PDB file of N, CA and C in Angstrom:
ATOM      1  N   MET A   1     160.219 154.502 130.993  1.00  0.00           N
ATOM      2  CA  MET A   1     161.368 155.106 131.631  1.00  0.00           C
ATOM      3  C   MET A   1     162.556 154.973 130.679  1.00  0.00           C
ATOM      4  N   SER A   2     163.362 155.988 130.620  1.00  0.00           N
ATOM      5  CA  SER A   2     164.514 155.946 129.725  1.00  0.00           C
ATOM      6  C   SER A   2     165.604 155.043 130.298  1.00  0.00           C
ATOM      7  N   LYS A   3     166.557 154.696 129.469  1.00  0.00           N
ATOM      8  CA  LYS A   3     167.652 153.827 129.895  1.00  0.00           C
ATOM      9  C   LYS A   3     168.681 154.628 130.684  1.00  0.00           C
ATOM     10  N   THR A   4     169.347 153.955 131.624  1.00  0.00           N
ATOM     11  CA  THR A   4     170.397 154.584 132.411  1.00  0.00           C
ATOM     12  C   THR A   4     171.426 153.532 132.789  1.00  0.00           C
ATOM     13  N   PHE A   5     172.643 153.968 133.063  1.00  0.00           N
ATOM     14  CA  PHE A   5     173.700 153.058 133.479  1.00  0.00           C
ATOM     15  C   PHE A   5     173.583 152.771 134.969  1.00  0.00           C
ATOM     16  N   SER A   6     173.950 151.551 135.361  1.00  0.00           N
ATOM     17  CA  SER A   6     173.837 151.176 136.772  1.00  0.00           C
ATOM     18  C   SER A   6     174.760 152.018 137.652  1.00  0.00           C
ATOM     19  N   ARG A   7     175.885 152.467 137.127  1.00  0.00           N
ATOM     20  CA  ARG A   7     176.791 153.288 137.950  1.00  0.00           C
ATOM     21  C   ARG A   7     176.149 154.623 138.325  1.00  0.00           C
ATOM     22  N   ILE A   8     175.159 155.074 137.538  1.00  0.00           N
ATOM     23  CA  ILE A   8     174.428 156.304 137.860  1.00  0.00           C
ATOM     24  C   ILE A   8     173.579 156.088 139.123  1.00  0.00           C
ATOM     25  N   LEU A   9     173.136 154.849 139.347  1.00  0.00           N
ATOM     26  CA  LEU A   9     172.284 154.542 140.495  1.00  0.00           C
ATOM     27  C   LEU A   9     173.055 154.459 141.801  1.00  0.00           C
ATOM     28  N   ALA A  10     174.349 154.186 141.725  1.00  0.00           N
ATOM     29  CA  ALA A  10     175.154 153.965 142.928  1.00  0.00           C
ATOM     30  C   ALA A  10     175.108 155.178 143.857  1.00  0.00           C
ATOM     31  N   ARG A  11     174.770 154.915 145.094  1.00  0.00           N
ATOM     32  CA  ARG A  11     174.737 155.902 146.175  1.00  0.00           C
ATOM     33  C   ARG A  11     173.676 156.990 146.020  1.00  0.00           C
ATOM     34  N   LYS A  12     172.776 156.846 145.038  1.00  0.00           N
ATOM     35  CA  LYS A  12     171.685 157.818 144.900  1.00  0.00           C
ATOM     36  C   LYS A  12     170.717 157.668 146.066  1.00  0.00           C
ATOM     37  N   LYS A  13     170.136 158.761 146.465  1.00  0.00           N
ATOM     38  CA  LYS A  13     169.117 158.754 147.508  1.00  0.00           C
ATOM     39  C   LYS A  13     167.804 158.257 146.913  1.00  0.00           C
ATOM     40  N   VAL A  14     167.071 157.494 147.714  1.00  0.00           N
ATOM     41  CA  VAL A  14     165.767 156.968 147.319  1.00  0.00           C
ATOM     42  C   VAL A  14     164.708 157.693 148.137  1.00  0.00           C
ATOM     43  N   MET A  15     163.715 158.251 147.441  1.00  0.00           N
ATOM     44  CA  MET A  15     162.665 159.017 148.086  1.00  0.00           C
ATOM     45  C   MET A  15     161.316 158.519 147.592  1.00  0.00           C
ATOM     46  N   SER A  16     160.333 158.528 148.486  1.00  0.00           N
ATOM     47  CA  SER A  16     158.991 158.109 148.082  1.00  0.00           C
ATOM     48  C   SER A  16     158.304 159.240 147.329  1.00  0.00           C
ATOM     49  N   ASN A  17     157.260 158.895 146.592  1.00  0.00           N
ATOM     50  CA  ASN A  17     156.540 159.904 145.826  1.00  0.00           C
ATOM     51  C   ASN A  17     155.767 160.869 146.717  1.00  0.00           C
ATOM     52  N   ASP A  18     155.701 160.592 148.024  1.00  0.00           N
ATOM     53  CA  ASP A  18     155.084 161.533 148.947  1.00  0.00           C
ATOM     54  C   ASP A  18     156.134 162.300 149.756  1.00  0.00           C
ATOM     55  N   GLY A  19     157.406 162.271 149.312  1.00  0.00           N
ATOM     56  CA  GLY A  19     158.457 163.113 149.887  1.00  0.00           C
ATOM     57  C   GLY A  19     159.233 162.534 151.046  1.00  0.00           C
ATOM     58  N   MET A  20     159.037 161.274 151.386  1.00  0.00           N
ATOM     59  CA  MET A  20     159.740 160.665 152.508  1.00  0.00           C
ATOM     60  C   MET A  20     161.082 160.083 152.039  1.00  0.00           C
ATOM     61  N   LEU A  21     162.164 160.432 152.744  1.00  0.00           N
ATOM     62  CA  LEU A  21     163.478 159.871 152.437  1.00  0.00           C
ATOM     63  C   LEU A  21     163.519 158.432 152.913  1.00  0.00           C
ATOM     64  N   ILE A  22     163.805 157.506 151.995  1.00  0.00           N
ATOM     65  CA  ILE A  22     163.830 156.082 152.326  1.00  0.00           C
ATOM     66  C   ILE A  22     165.246 155.620 152.650  1.00  0.00           C
ATOM     67  N   GLY A  23     166.224 156.021 151.849  1.00  0.00           N
ATOM     68  CA  GLY A  23     167.605 155.613 152.088  1.00  0.00           C
ATOM     69  C   GLY A  23     168.455 155.875 150.858  1.00  0.00           C
ATOM     70  N   SER A  24     169.534 155.099 150.710  1.00  0.00           N
ATOM     71  CA  SER A  24     170.416 155.259 149.550  1.00  0.00           C
ATOM     72  C   SER A  24     170.745 153.894 148.959  1.00  0.00           C
ATOM     73  N   VAL A  25     170.899 153.875 147.635  1.00  0.00           N
ATOM     74  CA  VAL A  25     171.154 152.638 146.904  1.00  0.00           C
ATOM     75  C   VAL A  25     172.553 152.127 147.236  1.00  0.00           C
ATOM     76  N   ARG A  26     172.642 150.837 147.515  1.00  0.00           N
ATOM     77  CA  ARG A  26     173.929 150.198 147.771  1.00  0.00           C
ATOM     78  C   ARG A  26     174.300 149.220 146.664  1.00  0.00           C
ATOM     79  N   ASN A  27     173.281 148.645 145.998  1.00  0.00           N
ATOM     80  CA  ASN A  27     173.542 147.674 144.946  1.00  0.00           C
ATOM     81  C   ASN A  27     172.261 147.462 144.157  1.00  0.00           C
ATOM     82  N   VAL A  28     172.349 146.701 143.086  1.00  0.00           N
ATOM     83  CA  VAL A  28     171.171 146.337 142.308  1.00  0.00           C
ATOM     84  C   VAL A  28     171.169 144.831 142.101  1.00  0.00           C
ATOM     85  N   MET A  29     169.974 144.258 142.011  1.00  0.00           N
ATOM     86  CA  MET A  29     169.835 142.840 141.715  1.00  0.00           C
ATOM     87  C   MET A  29     169.283 142.726 140.296  1.00  0.00           C
ATOM     88  N   VAL A  30     169.988 141.953 139.454  1.00  0.00           N
ATOM     89  CA  VAL A  30     169.664 141.866 138.036  1.00  0.00           C
ATOM     90  C   VAL A  30     169.397 140.419 137.656  1.00  0.00           C
ATOM     91  N   ASP A  31     168.410 140.217 136.790  1.00  0.00           N
ATOM     92  CA  ASP A  31     168.164 138.905 136.197  1.00  0.00           C
ATOM     93  C   ASP A  31     169.198 138.733 135.090  1.00  0.00           C
ATOM     94  N   LEU A  32     170.131 137.807 135.259  1.00  0.00           N
ATOM     95  CA  LEU A  32     171.226 137.645 134.306  1.00  0.00           C
ATOM     96  C   LEU A  32     170.767 137.106 132.952  1.00  0.00           C
ATOM     97  N   THR A  33     169.619 136.465 132.923  1.00  0.00           N
ATOM     98  CA  THR A  33     169.096 135.953 131.652  1.00  0.00           C
ATOM     99  C   THR A  33     168.557 137.083 130.778  1.00  0.00           C
ATOM    100  N   THR A  34     167.754 137.963 131.386  1.00  0.00           N
ATOM    101  CA  THR A  34     167.104 139.034 130.620  1.00  0.00           C
ATOM    102  C   THR A  34     167.840 140.367 130.704  1.00  0.00           C
ATOM    103  N   GLY A  35     168.654 140.548 131.744  1.00  0.00           N
ATOM    104  CA  GLY A  35     169.343 141.826 131.942  1.00  0.00           C
ATOM    105  C   GLY A  35     168.499 142.872 132.638  1.00  0.00           C
ATOM    106  N   GLN A  36     167.293 142.505 133.052  1.00  0.00           N
ATOM    107  CA  GLN A  36     166.413 143.459 133.715  1.00  0.00           C
ATOM    108  C   GLN A  36     166.759 143.588 135.192  1.00  0.00           C
ATOM    109  N   VAL A  37     166.645 144.822 135.704  1.00  0.00           N
ATOM    110  CA  VAL A  37     166.845 145.075 137.128  1.00  0.00           C
ATOM    111  C   VAL A  37     165.616 144.555 137.869  1.00  0.00           C
ATOM    112  N   ILE A  38     165.853 143.734 138.884  1.00  0.00           N
ATOM    113  CA  ILE A  38     164.770 143.154 139.679  1.00  0.00           C
ATOM    114  C   ILE A  38     164.506 144.014 140.914  1.00  0.00           C
ATOM    115  N   ASP A  39     165.559 144.282 141.671  1.00  0.00           N
ATOM    116  CA  ASP A  39     165.446 145.039 142.921  1.00  0.00           C
ATOM    117  C   ASP A  39     166.588 146.030 143.050  1.00  0.00           C
ATOM    118  N   LEU A  40     166.313 147.122 143.748  1.00  0.00           N
ATOM    119  CA  LEU A  40     167.370 148.001 144.238  1.00  0.00           C
ATOM    120  C   LEU A  40     167.624 147.576 145.678  1.00  0.00           C
ATOM    121  N   ILE A  41     168.875 147.444 146.047  1.00  0.00           N
ATOM    122  CA  ILE A  41     169.215 147.118 147.432  1.00  0.00           C
ATOM    123  C   ILE A  41     169.590 148.428 148.103  1.00  0.00           C
ATOM    124  N   VAL A  42     168.823 148.778 149.118  1.00  0.00           N
ATOM    125  CA  VAL A  42     168.892 150.109 149.724  1.00  0.00           C
ATOM    126  C   VAL A  42     169.282 149.997 151.182  1.00  0.00           C
ATOM    127  N   LYS A  43     170.155 150.903 151.615  1.00  0.00           N
ATOM    128  CA  LYS A  43     170.439 151.052 153.046  1.00  0.00           C
ATOM    129  C   LYS A  43     169.442 152.082 153.565  1.00  0.00           C
ATOM    130  N   PRO A  44     168.492 151.658 154.409  1.00  0.00           N
ATOM    131  CA  PRO A  44     167.452 152.583 154.873  1.00  0.00           C
ATOM    132  C   PRO A  44     168.031 153.732 155.700  1.00  0.00           C
ATOM    133  N   ASP A  45     167.432 154.893 155.547  1.00  0.00           N
ATOM    134  CA  ASP A  45     167.766 156.049 156.364  1.00  0.00           C
ATOM    135  C   ASP A  45     167.347 155.766 157.806  1.00  0.00           C
ATOM    136  N   ASP A  46     168.065 156.347 158.752  1.00  0.00           N
ATOM    137  CA  ASP A  46     167.763 156.118 160.171  1.00  0.00           C
ATOM    138  C   ASP A  46     166.347 156.545 160.549  1.00  0.00           C
ATOM    139  N   THR A  47     165.781 157.503 159.817  1.00  0.00           N
ATOM    140  CA  THR A  47     164.445 158.013 160.145  1.00  0.00           C
ATOM    141  C   THR A  47     163.324 157.217 159.496  1.00  0.00           C
ATOM    142  N   PHE A  48     163.660 156.276 158.604  1.00  0.00           N
ATOM    143  CA  PHE A  48     162.634 155.517 157.886  1.00  0.00           C
ATOM    144  C   PHE A  48     162.298 154.242 158.639  1.00  0.00           C
ATOM    145  N   ARG A  49     161.009 154.051 158.923  1.00  0.00           N
ATOM    146  CA  ARG A  49     160.556 152.831 159.601  1.00  0.00           C
ATOM    147  C   ARG A  49     160.411 151.720 158.584  1.00  0.00           C
ATOM    148  N   THR A  50     161.108 150.621 158.797  1.00  0.00           N
ATOM    149  CA  THR A  50     161.158 149.531 157.824  1.00  0.00           C
ATOM    150  C   THR A  50     160.136 148.428 158.095  1.00  0.00           C
ATOM    151  N   ASP A  51     159.269 148.598 159.073  1.00  0.00           N
ATOM    152  CA  ASP A  51     158.256 147.589 159.386  1.00  0.00           C
ATOM    153  C   ASP A  51     157.381 147.324 158.160  1.00  0.00           C
ATOM    154  N   GLY A  52     157.250 146.053 157.791  1.00  0.00           N
ATOM    155  CA  GLY A  52     156.385 145.673 156.684  1.00  0.00           C
ATOM    156  C   GLY A  52     157.043 145.678 155.321  1.00  0.00           C
ATOM    157  N   TYR A  53     158.325 146.031 155.273  1.00  0.00           N
ATOM    158  CA  TYR A  53     159.046 146.051 154.002  1.00  0.00           C
ATOM    159  C   TYR A  53     159.975 144.848 153.918  1.00  0.00           C
ATOM    160  N   ARG A  54     160.357 144.458 152.699  1.00  0.00           N
ATOM    161  CA  ARG A  54     161.264 143.315 152.517  1.00  0.00           C
ATOM    162  C   ARG A  54     162.664 143.701 152.971  1.00  0.00           C
ATOM    163  N   MET A  55     163.139 143.016 153.999  1.00  0.00           N
ATOM    164  CA  MET A  55     164.437 143.310 154.582  1.00  0.00           C
ATOM    165  C   MET A  55     165.269 142.042 154.653  1.00  0.00           C
ATOM    166  N   ASP A  56     166.594 142.225 154.623  1.00  0.00           N
ATOM    167  CA  ASP A  56     167.549 141.154 154.882  1.00  0.00           C
ATOM    168  C   ASP A  56     168.664 141.792 155.690  1.00  0.00           C
ATOM    169  N   GLY A  57     168.603 141.628 156.996  1.00  0.00           N
ATOM    170  CA  GLY A  57     169.563 142.313 157.866  1.00  0.00           C
ATOM    171  C   GLY A  57     169.320 143.810 157.807  1.00  0.00           C
ATOM    172  N   ASP A  58     170.352 144.561 157.426  1.00  0.00           N
ATOM    173  CA  ASP A  58     170.214 146.019 157.334  1.00  0.00           C
ATOM    174  C   ASP A  58     169.970 146.490 155.904  1.00  0.00           C
ATOM    175  N   ARG A  59     169.621 145.558 155.015  1.00  0.00           N
ATOM    176  CA  ARG A  59     169.357 145.892 153.613  1.00  0.00           C
ATOM    177  C   ARG A  59     167.870 145.789 153.321  1.00  0.00           C
ATOM    178  N   MET A  60     167.385 146.738 152.553  1.00  0.00           N
ATOM    179  CA  MET A  60     165.985 146.758 152.155  1.00  0.00           C
ATOM    180  C   MET A  60     165.917 146.510 150.645  1.00  0.00           C
ATOM    181  N   PHE A  61     164.982 145.672 150.221  1.00  0.00           N
ATOM    182  CA  PHE A  61     164.830 145.361 148.804  1.00  0.00           C
ATOM    183  C   PHE A  61     163.663 146.170 148.236  1.00  0.00           C
ATOM    184  N   VAL A  62     163.974 147.012 147.262  1.00  0.00           N
ATOM    185  CA  VAL A  62     162.970 147.846 146.608  1.00  0.00           C
ATOM    186  C   VAL A  62     162.732 147.274 145.215  1.00  0.00           C
ATOM    187  N   PRO A  63     161.539 146.746 144.946  1.00  0.00           N
ATOM    188  CA  PRO A  63     161.283 146.201 143.610  1.00  0.00           C
ATOM    189  C   PRO A  63     161.375 147.312 142.565  1.00  0.00           C
ATOM    190  N   PHE A  64     162.056 147.022 141.472  1.00  0.00           N
ATOM    191  CA  PHE A  64     162.279 148.043 140.460  1.00  0.00           C
ATOM    192  C   PHE A  64     160.973 148.526 139.841  1.00  0.00           C
ATOM    193  N   GLU A  65     159.938 147.711 139.896  1.00  0.00           N
ATOM    194  CA  GLU A  65     158.638 148.141 139.367  1.00  0.00           C
ATOM    195  C   GLU A  65     158.049 149.300 140.164  1.00  0.00           C
ATOM    196  N   ALA A  66     158.551 149.544 141.380  1.00  0.00           N
ATOM    197  CA  ALA A  66     158.084 150.658 142.198  1.00  0.00           C
ATOM    198  C   ALA A  66     158.756 151.980 141.808  1.00  0.00           C
ATOM    199  N   VAL A  67     159.838 151.913 141.019  1.00  0.00           N
ATOM    200  CA  VAL A  67     160.569 153.124 140.624  1.00  0.00           C
ATOM    201  C   VAL A  67     159.737 153.910 139.622  1.00  0.00           C
ATOM    202  N   LYS A  68     159.528 155.192 139.925  1.00  0.00           N
ATOM    203  CA  LYS A  68     158.734 156.062 139.062  1.00  0.00           C
ATOM    204  C   LYS A  68     159.607 157.042 138.277  1.00  0.00           C
ATOM    205  N   ASP A  69     160.764 157.452 138.831  1.00  0.00           N
ATOM    206  CA  ASP A  69     161.606 158.433 138.172  1.00  0.00           C
ATOM    207  C   ASP A  69     163.024 158.338 138.716  1.00  0.00           C
ATOM    208  N   ILE A  70     163.994 158.638 137.859  1.00  0.00           N
ATOM    209  CA  ILE A  70     165.391 158.671 138.279  1.00  0.00           C
ATOM    210  C   ILE A  70     165.979 159.985 137.785  1.00  0.00           C
ATOM    211  N   LYS A  71     166.241 160.884 138.708  1.00  0.00           N
ATOM    212  CA  LYS A  71     166.895 162.160 138.392  1.00  0.00           C
ATOM    213  C   LYS A  71     167.886 162.428 139.515  1.00  0.00           C
ATOM    214  N   ASP A  72     167.703 163.501 140.258  1.00  0.00           N
ATOM    215  CA  ASP A  72     168.563 163.766 141.409  1.00  0.00           C
ATOM    216  C   ASP A  72     168.342 162.712 142.492  1.00  0.00           C
ATOM    217  N   TYR A  73     167.113 162.272 142.619  1.00  0.00           N
ATOM    218  CA  TYR A  73     166.715 161.201 143.536  1.00  0.00           C
ATOM    219  C   TYR A  73     166.085 160.094 142.713  1.00  0.00           C
ATOM    220  N   ILE A  74     166.033 158.900 143.293  1.00  0.00           N
ATOM    221  CA  ILE A  74     165.234 157.827 142.721  1.00  0.00           C
ATOM    222  C   ILE A  74     163.889 157.886 143.436  1.00  0.00           C
ATOM    223  N   VAL A  75     162.850 158.181 142.700  1.00  0.00           N
ATOM    224  CA  VAL A  75     161.516 158.334 143.279  1.00  0.00           C
ATOM    225  C   VAL A  75     160.767 157.023 143.109  1.00  0.00           C
ATOM    226  N   VAL A  76     160.229 156.524 144.221  1.00  0.00           N
ATOM    227  CA  VAL A  76     159.496 155.259 144.202  1.00  0.00           C
ATOM    228  C   VAL A  76     158.103 155.445 144.792  1.00  0.00           C
ATOM    229  N   ASP A  77     157.200 154.589 144.371  1.00  0.00           N
ATOM    230  CA  ASP A  77     155.862 154.544 144.942  1.00  0.00           C
ATOM    231  C   ASP A  77     155.960 153.694 146.205  1.00  0.00           C
ATOM    232  N   ARG A  78     155.839 154.322 147.352  1.00  0.00           N
ATOM    233  CA  ARG A  78     156.045 153.646 148.633  1.00  0.00           C
ATOM    234  C   ARG A  78     155.088 152.484 148.847  1.00  0.00           C
ATOM    235  N   TYR A  79     153.893 152.566 148.274  1.00  0.00           N
ATOM    236  CA  TYR A  79     152.900 151.516 148.488  1.00  0.00           C
ATOM    237  C   TYR A  79     153.185 150.294 147.624  1.00  0.00           C
ATOM    238  N   LEU A  80     153.947 150.465 146.541  1.00  0.00           N
ATOM    239  CA  LEU A  80     154.356 149.310 145.732  1.00  0.00           C
ATOM    240  C   LEU A  80     155.552 148.576 146.356  1.00  0.00           C
ATOM    241  N   LEU A  81     156.179 149.179 147.353  1.00  0.00           N
ATOM    242  CA  LEU A  81     157.316 148.542 148.028  1.00  0.00           C
ATOM    243  C   LEU A  81     156.872 147.342 148.848  1.00  0.00           C
ATOM    244  N   LYS A  82     155.674 147.424 149.399  1.00  0.00           N
ATOM    245  CA  LYS A  82     155.169 146.356 150.266  1.00  0.00           C
ATOM    246  C   LYS A  82     154.481 145.320 149.400  1.00  0.00           C
ATOM    247  N   ARG A  83     155.195 144.234 149.115  1.00  0.00           N
ATOM    248  CA  ARG A  83     154.569 143.171 148.338  1.00  0.00           C
ATOM    249  C   ARG A  83     154.765 141.856 149.002  1.00  0.00           C
TER     250      ARG A  83
END
């Protein structure tokens, strides 16, 4: 995946690779030692069922390893979200 600035990720919509709208990015979690993005912190869409996903209150944690593409949407592999 090519490099991108974190400000590009702000408020982007997150969609699964099977076309389901998951939510929108609210923040990112970064390993300060390596500089690698660990998780995207996402506000789930009202239509997305969050059962079985990593949640903290109204925030959903999307592991960055699940991200497949970043363009108009951030496309993630929905099955890699459940870890």
